């Protein structure tokens, strides 16, 4: 839930409930854990496929695995950026609440 606090002639400060921020942090944490699990599964599949490198189809499968792994890593990077933003928001919100 969003709140607005007005201090003097400054622009209003908008902040969210700490519970909302925590909930989003936990949700991101679950997303990161799931992405790590997918990445581990992709690595295991890659290791199995590597034993069949002479087959032309294997090369296609390895490329598919590589593409999926890249998407997973990009997803993890996105989670990291969002998590850092939430941590900053949480810090600002805590400072604001302490000043009230």
PDB file of N, CA and C in Angstrom:
ATOM      1  N   UNK A   1       0.845  -1.159   0.000  1.00  0.00           N
ATOM      2  CA  UNK A   1       0.000   0.000   0.000  1.00  0.00           C
ATOM      3  C   UNK A   1       0.901   1.236   0.000  1.00  0.00           C
ATOM      4  N   UNK A   2       0.571   2.197  -0.817  1.00  0.00           N
ATOM      5  CA  UNK A   2       1.339   3.428  -0.906  1.00  0.00           C
ATOM      6  C   UNK A   2       0.832   4.450   0.113  1.00  0.00           C
ATOM      7  N   UNK A   3       1.766   5.189   0.691  1.00  0.00           N
ATOM      8  CA  UNK A   3       1.447   6.250   1.644  1.00  0.00           C
ATOM      9  C   UNK A   3       2.124   7.527   1.173  1.00  0.00           C
ATOM     10  N   UNK A   4       1.575   8.648   1.581  1.00  0.00           N
ATOM     11  CA  UNK A   4       2.162   9.939   1.259  1.00  0.00           C
ATOM     12  C   UNK A   4       2.373  10.715   2.550  1.00  0.00           C
ATOM     13  N   UNK A   5       3.538  11.297   2.683  1.00  0.00           N
ATOM     14  CA  UNK A   5       3.861  12.129   3.841  1.00  0.00           C
ATOM     15  C   UNK A   5       4.304  13.487   3.323  1.00  0.00           C
ATOM     16  N   UNK A   6       3.722  14.534   3.881  1.00  0.00           N
ATOM     17  CA  UNK A   6       4.097  15.890   3.469  1.00  0.00           C
ATOM     18  C   UNK A   6       4.821  16.549   4.632  1.00  0.00           C
ATOM     19  N   UNK A   7       6.021  17.030   4.366  1.00  0.00           N
ATOM     20  CA  UNK A   7       6.835  17.716   5.377  1.00  0.00           C
ATOM     21  C   UNK A   7       7.083  19.140   4.902  1.00  0.00           C
ATOM     22  N   UNK A   8       6.532  20.093   5.577  1.00  0.00           N
ATOM     23  CA  UNK A   8       6.759  21.503   5.230  1.00  0.00           C
ATOM     24  C   UNK A   8       6.367  21.804   3.800  1.00  0.00           C
ATOM     25  N   UNK A   9       7.243  22.528   3.090  1.00  0.00           N
ATOM     26  CA  UNK A   9       6.950  22.921   1.714  1.00  0.00           C
ATOM     27  C   UNK A   9       7.569  21.959   0.706  1.00  0.00           C
ATOM     28  N   UNK A  10       8.205  20.901   1.209  1.00  0.00           N
ATOM     29  CA  UNK A  10       8.808  19.920   0.306  1.00  0.00           C
ATOM     30  C   UNK A  10       7.732  19.153  -0.456  1.00  0.00           C
ATOM     31  N   UNK A  11       8.183  18.522  -1.526  1.00  0.00           N
ATOM     32  CA  UNK A  11       7.271  17.665  -2.275  1.00  0.00           C
ATOM     33  C   UNK A  11       6.862  16.501  -1.381  1.00  0.00           C
ATOM     34  N   UNK A  12       5.676  15.965  -1.591  1.00  0.00           N
ATOM     35  CA  UNK A  12       5.249  14.830  -0.764  1.00  0.00           C
ATOM     36  C   UNK A  12       6.164  13.628  -0.968  1.00  0.00           C
ATOM     37  N   UNK A  13       6.406  12.905   0.095  1.00  0.00           N
ATOM     38  CA  UNK A  13       7.198  11.687   0.041  1.00  0.00           C
ATOM     39  C   UNK A  13       6.247  10.500  -0.064  1.00  0.00           C
ATOM     40  N   UNK A  14       6.490   9.658  -1.043  1.00  0.00           N
ATOM     41  CA  UNK A  14       5.642   8.475  -1.243  1.00  0.00           C
ATOM     42  C   UNK A  14       6.431   7.255  -0.808  1.00  0.00           C
ATOM     43  N   UNK A  15       5.787   6.402   0.014  1.00  0.00           N
ATOM     44  CA  UNK A  15       6.454   5.197   0.487  1.00  0.00           C
ATOM     45  C   UNK A  15       5.450   4.061   0.600  1.00  0.00           C
ATOM     46  N   UNK A  16       5.990   2.837   0.594  1.00  0.00           N
ATOM     47  CA  UNK A  16       5.145   1.650   0.693  1.00  0.00           C
ATOM     48  C   UNK A  16       5.273   1.033   2.077  1.00  0.00           C
ATOM     49  N   UNK A  17       4.270   0.239   2.428  1.00  0.00           N
ATOM     50  CA  UNK A  17       4.343  -0.515   3.683  1.00  0.00           C
ATOM     51  C   UNK A  17       5.557  -1.426   3.655  1.00  0.00           C
ATOM     52  N   UNK A  18       6.206  -1.557   4.799  1.00  0.00           N
ATOM     53  CA  UNK A  18       7.362  -2.436   4.898  1.00  0.00           C
ATOM     54  C   UNK A  18       6.985  -3.875   4.552  1.00  0.00           C
ATOM     55  N   UNK A  19       5.797  -4.293   4.931  1.00  0.00           N
ATOM     56  CA  UNK A  19       5.338  -5.653   4.617  1.00  0.00           C
ATOM     57  C   UNK A  19       5.264  -5.897   3.122  1.00  0.00           C
ATOM     58  N   UNK A  20       4.838  -4.878   2.375  1.00  0.00           N
ATOM     59  CA  UNK A  20       4.769  -5.011   0.914  1.00  0.00           C
ATOM     60  C   UNK A  20       6.163  -5.182   0.319  1.00  0.00           C
ATOM     61  N   UNK A  21       7.114  -4.404   0.817  1.00  0.00           N
ATOM     62  CA  UNK A  21       8.488  -4.498   0.310  1.00  0.00           C
ATOM     63  C   UNK A  21       9.069  -5.857   0.661  1.00  0.00           C
ATOM     64  N   UNK A  22       8.865  -6.286   1.913  1.00  0.00           N
ATOM     65  CA  UNK A  22       9.374  -7.602   2.330  1.00  0.00           C
ATOM     66  C   UNK A  22       8.773  -8.717   1.483  1.00  0.00           C
ATOM     67  N   UNK A  23       7.472  -8.620   1.224  1.00  0.00           N
ATOM     68  CA  UNK A  23       6.801  -9.637   0.414  1.00  0.00           C
ATOM     69  C   UNK A  23       7.433  -9.717  -0.980  1.00  0.00           C
ATOM     70  N   UNK A  24       7.698  -8.564  -1.568  1.00  0.00           N
ATOM     71  CA  UNK A  24       8.303  -8.556  -2.902  1.00  0.00           C
ATOM     72  C   UNK A  24       9.732  -9.101  -2.866  1.00  0.00           C
ATOM     73  N   UNK A  25      10.467  -8.801  -1.795  1.00  0.00           N
ATOM     74  CA  UNK A  25      11.817  -9.343  -1.650  1.00  0.00           C
ATOM     75  C   UNK A  25      11.761 -10.864  -1.555  1.00  0.00           C
ATOM     76  N   UNK A  26      10.824 -11.393  -0.779  1.00  0.00           N
ATOM     77  CA  UNK A  26      10.685 -12.854  -0.666  1.00  0.00           C
ATOM     78  C   UNK A  26      10.291 -13.475  -2.001  1.00  0.00           C
ATOM     79  N   UNK A  27       9.411 -12.801  -2.726  1.00  0.00           N
ATOM     80  CA  UNK A  27       8.989 -13.308  -4.036  1.00  0.00           C
ATOM     81  C   UNK A  27      10.174 -13.351  -4.990  1.00  0.00           C
ATOM     82  N   UNK A  28      10.988 -12.315  -4.975  1.00  0.00           N
ATOM     83  CA  UNK A  28      12.189 -12.296  -5.809  1.00  0.00           C
ATOM     84  C   UNK A  28      13.158 -13.396  -5.383  1.00  0.00           C
ATOM     85  N   UNK A  29      13.274 -13.617  -4.092  1.00  0.00           N
ATOM     86  CA  UNK A  29      14.142 -14.686  -3.596  1.00  0.00           C
ATOM     87  C   UNK A  29      13.702 -16.046  -4.110  1.00  0.00           C
ATOM     88  N   UNK A  30      12.392 -16.283  -4.131  1.00  0.00           N
ATOM     89  CA  UNK A  30      11.875 -17.556  -4.673  1.00  0.00           C
ATOM     90  C   UNK A  30      12.158 -17.657  -6.171  1.00  0.00           C
ATOM     91  N   UNK A  31      12.047 -16.539  -6.879  1.00  0.00           N
ATOM     92  CA  UNK A  31      12.347 -16.539  -8.308  1.00  0.00           C
ATOM     93  C   UNK A  31      13.809 -16.836  -8.574  1.00  0.00           C
ATOM     94  N   UNK A  32      14.678 -16.257  -7.754  1.00  0.00           N
ATOM     95  CA  UNK A  32      16.114 -16.515  -7.892  1.00  0.00           C
ATOM     96  C   UNK A  32      16.414 -17.979  -7.618  1.00  0.00           C
ATOM     97  N   UNK A  33      15.810 -18.537  -6.568  1.00  0.00           N
ATOM     98  CA  UNK A  33      16.040 -19.951  -6.242  1.00  0.00           C
ATOM     99  C   UNK A  33      15.572 -20.853  -7.382  1.00  0.00           C
ATOM    100  N   UNK A  34      14.417 -20.544  -7.963  1.00  0.00           N
ATOM    101  CA  UNK A  34      13.906 -21.344  -9.079  1.00  0.00           C
ATOM    102  C   UNK A  34      14.820 -21.239 -10.288  1.00  0.00           C
ATOM    103  N   UNK A  35      15.332 -20.046 -10.558  1.00  0.00           N
ATOM    104  CA  UNK A  35      16.240 -19.869 -11.693  1.00  0.00           C
ATOM    105  C   UNK A  35      17.538 -20.643 -11.469  1.00  0.00           C
ATOM    106  N   UNK A  36      18.032 -20.653 -10.246  1.00  0.00           N
ATOM    107  CA  UNK A  36      19.235 -21.433  -9.939  1.00  0.00           C
ATOM    108  C   UNK A  36      18.981 -22.923 -10.147  1.00  0.00           C
ATOM    109  N   UNK A  37      17.809 -23.396  -9.752  1.00  0.00           N
ATOM    110  CA  UNK A  37      17.465 -24.810  -9.969  1.00  0.00           C
ATOM    111  C   UNK A  37      17.416 -25.138 -11.464  1.00  0.00           C
ATOM    112  N   UNK A  38      16.814 -24.251 -12.251  1.00  0.00           N
ATOM    113  CA  UNK A  38      16.760 -24.467 -13.705  1.00  0.00           C
ATOM    114  C   UNK A  38      18.157 -24.500 -14.292  1.00  0.00           C
ATOM    115  N   UNK A  39      19.015 -23.586 -13.827  1.00  0.00           N
ATOM    116  CA  UNK A  39      20.380 -23.535 -14.336  1.00  0.00           C
ATOM    117  C   UNK A  39      21.130 -24.822 -13.989  1.00  0.00           C
ATOM    118  N   UNK A  40      20.954 -25.328 -12.779  1.00  0.00           N
ATOM    119  CA  UNK A  40      21.608 -26.575 -12.369  1.00  0.00           C
ATOM    120  C   UNK A  40      21.116 -27.740 -13.234  1.00  0.00           C
ATOM    121  N   UNK A  41      19.830 -27.762 -13.538  1.00  0.00           N
ATOM    122  CA  UNK A  41      19.285 -28.816 -14.400  1.00  0.00           C
ATOM    123  C   UNK A  41      19.867 -28.716 -15.810  1.00  0.00           C
ATOM    124  N   UNK A  42      20.014 -27.500 -16.296  1.00  0.00           N
ATOM    125  CA  UNK A  42      20.604 -27.297 -17.619  1.00  0.00           C
ATOM    126  C   UNK A  42      22.058 -27.754 -17.646  1.00  0.00           C
ATOM    127  N   UNK A  43      22.785 -27.477 -16.590  1.00  0.00           N
ATOM    128  CA  UNK A  43      24.176 -27.940 -16.522  1.00  0.00           C
ATOM    129  C   UNK A  43      24.249 -29.468 -16.525  1.00  0.00           C
ATOM    130  N   UNK A  44      23.361 -30.113 -15.786  1.00  0.00           N
ATOM    131  CA  UNK A  44      23.345 -31.573 -15.740  1.00  0.00           C
ATOM    132  C   UNK A  44      23.010 -32.155 -17.113  1.00  0.00           C
ATOM    133  N   UNK A  45      22.056 -31.538 -17.789  1.00  0.00           N
ATOM    134  CA  UNK A  45      21.695 -31.998 -19.133  1.00  0.00           C
ATOM    135  C   UNK A  45      22.874 -31.811 -20.087  1.00  0.00           C
ATOM    136  N   UNK A  46      23.539 -30.685 -19.983  1.00  0.00           N
ATOM    137  CA  UNK A  46      24.711 -30.429 -20.822  1.00  0.00           C
ATOM    138  C   UNK A  46      25.780 -31.495 -20.606  1.00  0.00           C
ATOM    139  N   UNK A  47      26.041 -31.814 -19.353  1.00  0.00           N
ATOM    140  CA  UNK A  47      27.073 -32.798 -19.035  1.00  0.00           C
ATOM    141  C   UNK A  47      26.725 -34.174 -19.615  1.00  0.00           C
ATOM    142  N   UNK A  48      25.442 -34.508 -19.612  1.00  0.00           N
ATOM    143  CA  UNK A  48      25.012 -35.789 -20.182  1.00  0.00           C
ATOM    144  C   UNK A  48      25.156 -35.781 -21.699  1.00  0.00           C
ATOM    145  N   UNK A  49      24.754 -34.688 -22.319  1.00  0.00           N
ATOM    146  CA  UNK A  49      24.783 -34.594 -23.785  1.00  0.00           C
ATOM    147  C   UNK A  49      26.212 -34.583 -24.318  1.00  0.00           C
ATOM    148  N   UNK A  50      27.127 -33.998 -23.566  1.00  0.00           N
ATOM    149  CA  UNK A  50      28.513 -33.886 -24.020  1.00  0.00           C
ATOM    150  C   UNK A  50      29.099 -35.261 -24.343  1.00  0.00           C
ATOM    151  N   UNK A  51      28.614 -36.295 -23.691  1.00  0.00           N
ATOM    152  CA  UNK A  51      29.144 -37.639 -23.959  1.00  0.00           C
ATOM    153  C   UNK A  51      28.767 -38.135 -25.352  1.00  0.00           C
ATOM    154  N   UNK A  52      27.832 -37.465 -26.013  1.00  0.00           N
ATOM    155  CA  UNK A  52      27.387 -37.870 -27.351  1.00  0.00           C
ATOM    156  C   UNK A  52      27.741 -36.824 -28.407  1.00  0.00           C
ATOM    157  N   UNK A  53      28.879 -36.209 -28.300  1.00  0.00           N
ATOM    158  CA  UNK A  53      29.247 -35.094 -29.173  1.00  0.00           C
ATOM    159  C   UNK A  53      29.367 -35.451 -30.647  1.00  0.00           C
ATOM    160  N   UNK A  54      29.536 -36.693 -30.989  1.00  0.00           N
ATOM    161  CA  UNK A  54      29.698 -37.055 -32.395  1.00  0.00           C
ATOM    162  C   UNK A  54      28.399 -36.937 -33.184  1.00  0.00           C
ATOM    163  N   UNK A  55      27.290 -36.957 -32.523  1.00  0.00           N
ATOM    164  CA  UNK A  55      25.983 -36.894 -33.179  1.00  0.00           C
ATOM    165  C   UNK A  55      25.658 -35.442 -33.550  1.00  0.00           C
ATOM    166  N   UNK A  56      25.172 -35.224 -34.804  1.00  0.00           N
ATOM    167  CA  UNK A  56      24.833 -33.866 -35.265  1.00  0.00           C
ATOM    168  C   UNK A  56      23.685 -33.279 -34.440  1.00  0.00           C
ATOM    169  N   UNK A  57      22.727 -34.099 -34.055  1.00  0.00           N
ATOM    170  CA  UNK A  57      21.580 -33.633 -33.258  1.00  0.00           C
ATOM    171  C   UNK A  57      22.057 -33.131 -31.894  1.00  0.00           C
ATOM    172  N   UNK A  58      23.104 -33.709 -31.395  1.00  0.00           N
ATOM    173  CA  UNK A  58      23.643 -33.310 -30.098  1.00  0.00           C
ATOM    174  C   UNK A  58      24.093 -31.858 -30.127  1.00  0.00           C
ATOM    175  N   UNK A  59      24.698 -31.445 -31.214  1.00  0.00           N
ATOM    176  CA  UNK A  59      25.150 -30.054 -31.320  1.00  0.00           C
ATOM    177  C   UNK A  59      23.974 -29.084 -31.246  1.00  0.00           C
ATOM    178  N   UNK A  60      22.852 -29.456 -31.869  1.00  0.00           N
ATOM    179  CA  UNK A  60      21.653 -28.619 -31.792  1.00  0.00           C
ATOM    180  C   UNK A  60      21.135 -28.547 -30.359  1.00  0.00           C
ATOM    181  N   UNK A  61      21.140 -29.699 -29.685  1.00  0.00           N
ATOM    182  CA  UNK A  61      20.663 -29.738 -28.302  1.00  0.00           C
ATOM    183  C   UNK A  61      21.553 -28.907 -27.386  1.00  0.00           C
ATOM    184  N   UNK A  62      22.845 -28.965 -27.625  1.00  0.00           N
ATOM    185  CA  UNK A  62      23.765 -28.164 -26.814  1.00  0.00           C
ATOM    186  C   UNK A  62      23.508 -26.678 -27.033  1.00  0.00           C
ATOM    187  N   UNK A  63      23.255 -26.291 -28.270  1.00  0.00           N
ATOM    188  CA  UNK A  63      22.956 -24.882 -28.550  1.00  0.00           C
ATOM    189  C   UNK A  63      21.663 -24.460 -27.857  1.00  0.00           C
ATOM    190  N   UNK A  64      20.664 -25.340 -27.879  1.00  0.00           N
ATOM    191  CA  UNK A  64      19.403 -25.051 -27.197  1.00  0.00           C
ATOM    192  C   UNK A  64      19.646 -24.882 -25.698  1.00  0.00           C
ATOM    193  N   UNK A  65      20.437 -25.776 -25.127  1.00  0.00           N
ATOM    194  CA  UNK A  65      20.761 -25.663 -23.703  1.00  0.00           C
ATOM    195  C   UNK A  65      21.495 -24.364 -23.401  1.00  0.00           C
ATOM    196  N   UNK A  66      22.421 -24.019 -24.268  1.00  0.00           N
ATOM    197  CA  UNK A  66      23.162 -22.780 -24.078  1.00  0.00           C
ATOM    198  C   UNK A  66      22.217 -21.580 -24.102  1.00  0.00           C
ATOM    199  N   UNK A  67      21.303 -21.568 -25.066  1.00  0.00           N
ATOM    200  CA  UNK A  67      20.344 -20.461 -25.168  1.00  0.00           C
ATOM    201  C   UNK A  67      19.466 -20.371 -23.926  1.00  0.00           C
ATOM    202  N   UNK A  68      18.994 -21.527 -23.442  1.00  0.00           N
ATOM    203  CA  UNK A  68      18.156 -21.557 -22.243  1.00  0.00           C
ATOM    204  C   UNK A  68      18.955 -21.093 -21.021  1.00  0.00           C
ATOM    205  N   UNK A  69      20.202 -21.519 -20.928  1.00  0.00           N
ATOM    206  CA  UNK A  69      21.043 -21.113 -19.806  1.00  0.00           C
ATOM    207  C   UNK A  69      21.272 -19.607 -19.835  1.00  0.00           C
ATOM    208  N   UNK A  70      21.488 -19.057 -21.022  1.00  0.00           N
ATOM    209  CA  UNK A  70      21.693 -17.612 -21.161  1.00  0.00           C
ATOM    210  C   UNK A  70      20.445 -16.855 -20.710  1.00  0.00           C
ATOM    211  N   UNK A  71      19.278 -17.323 -21.106  1.00  0.00           N
ATOM    212  CA  UNK A  71      18.033 -16.684 -20.675  1.00  0.00           C
ATOM    213  C   UNK A  71      17.889 -16.744 -19.159  1.00  0.00           C
ATOM    214  N   UNK A  72      18.258 -17.881 -18.575  1.00  0.00           N
ATOM    215  CA  UNK A  72      18.174 -18.040 -17.124  1.00  0.00           C
ATOM    216  C   UNK A  72      19.121 -17.075 -16.419  1.00  0.00           C
ATOM    217  N   UNK A  73      20.340 -16.958 -16.929  1.00  0.00           N
ATOM    218  CA  UNK A  73      21.288 -16.018 -16.324  1.00  0.00           C
ATOM    219  C   UNK A  73      20.814 -14.576 -16.470  1.00  0.00           C
ATOM    220  N   UNK A  74      20.234 -14.238 -17.612  1.00  0.00           N
ATOM    221  CA  UNK A  74      19.692 -12.892 -17.799  1.00  0.00           C
ATOM    222  C   UNK A  74      18.559 -12.631 -16.797  1.00  0.00           C
ATOM    223  N   UNK A  75      17.733 -13.652 -16.573  1.00  0.00           N
ATOM    224  CA  UNK A  75      16.643 -13.540 -15.607  1.00  0.00           C
ATOM    225  C   UNK A  75      17.213 -13.301 -14.200  1.00  0.00           C
ATOM    226  N   UNK A  76      18.268 -14.031 -13.860  1.00  0.00           N
ATOM    227  CA  UNK A  76      18.912 -13.838 -12.558  1.00  0.00           C
ATOM    228  C   UNK A  76      19.456 -12.422 -12.420  1.00  0.00           C
ATOM    229  N   UNK A  77      20.064 -11.912 -13.481  1.00  0.00           N
ATOM    230  CA  UNK A  77      20.571 -10.539 -13.455  1.00  0.00           C
ATOM    231  C   UNK A  77      19.443  -9.548 -13.208  1.00  0.00           C
ATOM    232  N   UNK A  78      18.306  -9.772 -13.872  1.00  0.00           N
ATOM    233  CA  UNK A  78      17.144  -8.896 -13.678  1.00  0.00           C
ATOM    234  C   UNK A  78      16.639  -8.945 -12.246  1.00  0.00           C
ATOM    235  N   UNK A  79      16.594 -10.151 -11.674  1.00  0.00           N
ATOM    236  CA  UNK A  79      16.188 -10.281 -10.269  1.00  0.00           C
ATOM    237  C   UNK A  79      17.141  -9.507  -9.371  1.00  0.00           C
ATOM    238  N   UNK A  80      18.434  -9.592  -9.656  1.00  0.00           N
ATOM    239  CA  UNK A  80      19.419  -8.894  -8.841  1.00  0.00           C
ATOM    240  C   UNK A  80      19.218  -7.390  -8.871  1.00  0.00           C
ATOM    241  N   UNK A  81      18.951  -6.844 -10.050  1.00  0.00           N
ATOM    242  CA  UNK A  81      18.724  -5.409 -10.192  1.00  0.00           C
ATOM    243  C   UNK A  81      17.475  -5.000  -9.410  1.00  0.00           C
ATOM    244  N   UNK A  82      16.399  -5.785  -9.553  1.00  0.00           N
ATOM    245  CA  UNK A  82      15.162  -5.466  -8.838  1.00  0.00           C
ATOM    246  C   UNK A  82      15.360  -5.570  -7.332  1.00  0.00           C
ATOM    247  N   UNK A  83      16.119  -6.567  -6.904  1.00  0.00           N
ATOM    248  CA  UNK A  83      16.368  -6.757  -5.482  1.00  0.00           C
ATOM    249  C   UNK A  83      17.153  -5.583  -4.906  1.00  0.00           C
ATOM    250  N   UNK A  84      18.151  -5.096  -5.634  1.00  0.00           N
ATOM    251  CA  UNK A  84      18.915  -3.932  -5.173  1.00  0.00           C
ATOM    252  C   UNK A  84      18.007  -2.709  -5.051  1.00  0.00           C
ATOM    253  N   UNK A  85      17.106  -2.535  -6.008  1.00  0.00           N
ATOM    254  CA  UNK A  85      16.164  -1.418  -5.947  1.00  0.00           C
ATOM    255  C   UNK A  85      15.257  -1.515  -4.732  1.00  0.00           C
ATOM    256  N   UNK A  86      14.797  -2.722  -4.438  1.00  0.00           N
ATOM    257  CA  UNK A  86      13.946  -2.905  -3.262  1.00  0.00           C
ATOM    258  C   UNK A  86      14.717  -2.664  -1.971  1.00  0.00           C
ATOM    259  N   UNK A  87      15.956  -3.071  -1.946  1.00  0.00           N
ATOM    260  CA  UNK A  87      16.764  -2.836  -0.744  1.00  0.00           C
ATOM    261  C   UNK A  87      16.935  -1.339  -0.506  1.00  0.00           C
ATOM    262  N   UNK A  88      17.162  -0.573  -1.578  1.00  0.00           N
ATOM    263  CA  UNK A  88      17.279   0.883  -1.445  1.00  0.00           C
ATOM    264  C   UNK A  88      15.957   1.473  -0.965  1.00  0.00           C
ATOM    265  N   UNK A  89      14.862   0.996  -1.559  1.00  0.00           N
ATOM    266  CA  UNK A  89      13.541   1.496  -1.170  1.00  0.00           C
ATOM    267  C   UNK A  89      13.268   1.182   0.302  1.00  0.00           C
ATOM    268  N   UNK A  90      13.622  -0.012   0.738  1.00  0.00           N
ATOM    269  CA  UNK A  90      13.409  -0.409   2.123  1.00  0.00           C
ATOM    270  C   UNK A  90      14.220   0.485   3.062  1.00  0.00           C
ATOM    271  N   UNK A  91      15.462   0.759   2.699  1.00  0.00           N
ATOM    272  CA  UNK A  91      16.319   1.613   3.520  1.00  0.00           C
ATOM    273  C   UNK A  91      15.731   3.022   3.633  1.00  0.00           C
ATOM    274  N   UNK A  92      15.287   3.578   2.491  1.00  0.00           N
ATOM    275  CA  UNK A  92      14.704   4.920   2.506  1.00  0.00           C
ATOM    276  C   UNK A  92      13.426   4.946   3.338  1.00  0.00           C
ATOM    277  N   UNK A  93      12.617   3.898   3.184  1.00  0.00           N
ATOM    278  CA  UNK A  93      11.357   3.837   3.922  1.00  0.00           C
ATOM    279  C   UNK A  93      11.619   3.761   5.419  1.00  0.00           C
ATOM    280  N   UNK A  94      12.593   2.956   5.819  1.00  0.00           N
ATOM    281  CA  UNK A  94      12.921   2.857   7.247  1.00  0.00           C
ATOM    282  C   UNK A  94      13.410   4.200   7.792  1.00  0.00           C
ATOM    283  N   UNK A  95      14.236   4.898   7.026  1.00  0.00           N
ATOM    284  CA  UNK A  95      14.704   6.223   7.442  1.00  0.00           C
ATOM    285  C   UNK A  95      13.537   7.186   7.578  1.00  0.00           C
ATOM    286  N   UNK A  96      12.636   7.151   6.621  1.00  0.00           N
ATOM    287  CA  UNK A  96      11.469   8.037   6.650  1.00  0.00           C
ATOM    288  C   UNK A  96      10.603   7.745   7.858  1.00  0.00           C
ATOM    289  N   UNK A  97      10.375   6.465   8.133  1.00  0.00           N
ATOM    290  CA  UNK A  97       9.522   6.088   9.260  1.00  0.00           C
ATOM    291  C   UNK A  97      10.159   6.476  10.592  1.00  0.00           C
ATOM    292  N   UNK A  98      11.472   6.428  10.670  1.00  0.00           N
ATOM    293  CA  UNK A  98      12.155   6.813  11.907  1.00  0.00           C
ATOM    294  C   UNK A  98      12.041   8.322  12.167  1.00  0.00           C
ATOM    295  N   UNK A  99      11.920   9.097  11.085  1.00  0.00           N
ATOM    296  CA  UNK A  99      11.827  10.556  11.229  1.00  0.00           C
ATOM    297  C   UNK A  99      10.424  11.014  11.596  1.00  0.00           C
ATOM    298  N   UNK A 100       9.440  10.165  11.393  1.00  0.00           N
ATOM    299  CA  UNK A 100       8.041  10.555  11.641  1.00  0.00           C
ATOM    300  C   UNK A 100       7.737  10.745  13.082  1.00  0.00           C
TER     301      UNK A 100
END
